Amino acid sequence: MASNPPETRAHSFTRVVLSWRQWWRKAVVGTVDQADVINRRRQECSLSARYLFMLSMSAGIAILGLLLSSPAVVIGAMLLSPLMDPIMGVGFALAIGDFHWLKQAGRSLLVGTLLAILFCAFVVLLSPLQTVTAEIAARTRPNLFDLGVALFSALAGTYAMIRGREGTVVGVAIATALMPPLAVVGFGLATLNWTVFTGALLLFVTNLVTIALTAALMARAYGFRTSLTERQTQLQALAIMAVFIALAIPLGISLRQIAWEAQASRTIRGELLDEFDNNARLSQIDINFDAEPVTIAATVLTPTIRSDAEEAAGRAIRRQLGQAVEISITQYQVGIGAKAAEEAQLAAARAREAADRQRAEELSVRLALVAGVAEKDVLLDRERRHALVTAKPLTGAGLATYRELEGRIAATEPEWTIELRPPARPLPAIEFDDGEPTPQGADAIALIGWAAQRLGAPVILSGGETDVKRAAELLDGQGIVTREETASGRDGKVTARWGAPGD
């Protein structure tokens, strides 16, 4: 049986492609009211009071859900988020080459984004909870899966808008990829945690760009008219594909690293348990892959204590991972059986709690001693690791003495934030030379700033105009409220004194 020549097969393929294109234009593109879709998209891209209010409420709910580590509350924020409208406006404006519309949608998106970040940061600053929860941490390491979420959300959202079926579900799909990372950006800003801030910002930008460009491609596929030339259209399509590839490469690398860490965690758990008998249980394990070398801290409940467990497990894990590790194993001897292991696990948790409570009590005693107050006057927040005490005046002790006492205790308790409030002792003079503080002057500024932060009091500066302005500038950089009293001439010295709370 003779086969079809290549020319015939190519001709048949061309006819199939042309037939499919003809069907797409008639049965799909021809059924879309492009003018109506564009008109609705334009109207919903405006920077309105409703848009800003709903965005703020959505951001507030999202950040509270993240702080509480509650997925249900985060989903509630997505139901309110209006971010879909300006992002889709950007995509459609790119598709038809309407740069006036692009500018309008971009302005609404930029203002809304900044408002959401600042509002979330404000909520975090007022909140007593400022710890990185699992919901927050999950949005600080973007990977290729996050790109997929944004892509599928954009495809669903654009299709629904073009076909006139947009609604709450579509808005939730878009908000899934945008509102939670935007709230985490606000959290990172409020807590000055730049690792969280940059990771969440990268995730937000990735999802934003993916959704906007996907919307542009979908609009073009549905035949939305454009003012661009054929060459400009081709260049636009190539640019969009280049952006997708540029986003996919680093996200793919990140996904590969996450997959390796997951596999390494399973390997480490297996090797640790292999060093003990079948009745042993791994109670807790903490692995820091960012450390050099990788650090592993494990707690094992075992009927038999093994003195060489750390060395043996370390060798096996280094062989499996192919890199250096530092391992620490805490062993608790328990009876045989699951019940005994569970009881030991509870006992270990109680022991850790008791040790933590005892350490806090010892810190309270030390702070009371150096401050010259009763132990009940020391305020301890064990959850946030924060200690505060107001010192009584000590004979012959200046501000530098109180700062030194605080520093010594803080050095022994690196996990705690120690605040020792000194009495309002006289402030030191600030020496200047050629408009800049001398080394002694710089130390005086640091001491004044420390004392003012602890007491929350303003500082009045007196002296030559140039020196006073420079001293005020340096103290303002530490968040200290200052008032300037200048005199004629420059004597190279600025005096400082405490001001009244209203100054």
Foldseek 3Di string as FASTA:
>chain_A
DDDDDPVVVVVVVVVVVVVVVVCCVVVFLVVFPLVVLLVVLLVLLAQDPLLLVLLLVLLVQLLVCQLVVHPVSNLVSLLRHSLVRLLLQCQQCLLAVPVVSNVSSVVNNVVSLVSSLQSLLVSCLPDPRLDRDPLLVVQQQAALVLLVLLQVLLVVLLVCSRVVNDDSVSSSSLCVQASNLSSQLSSCVNVVPVSSNVSSVLSNVSSSLNNSNSSNVVCVSSPNHHPDDPVVNVVSVVVSVVVVVVSNVVRHVSVVVVVVVVVLVVVLVVLLCVLADPQKDWLDWDWDVPDVVIEIETEMEHQDDDPCSQVSSQVSSCVVVVHHYHYHYHYDHWDGDDVRSVVVSVVVVVVVVVVLVVVVLVLLVLLCVVQVHDSVQWDADSVQQEIEHEHDDDPPDDLVNQVVSQVVSCVVVVSHHYAYAYPQGFQDKFFADPLHTDPVNVVSLVSVLSNCVRVVFAKEKEFAPSNQVVSCVVSVVSVHHYHYDYDPDHDRIMGMHTDDRVD
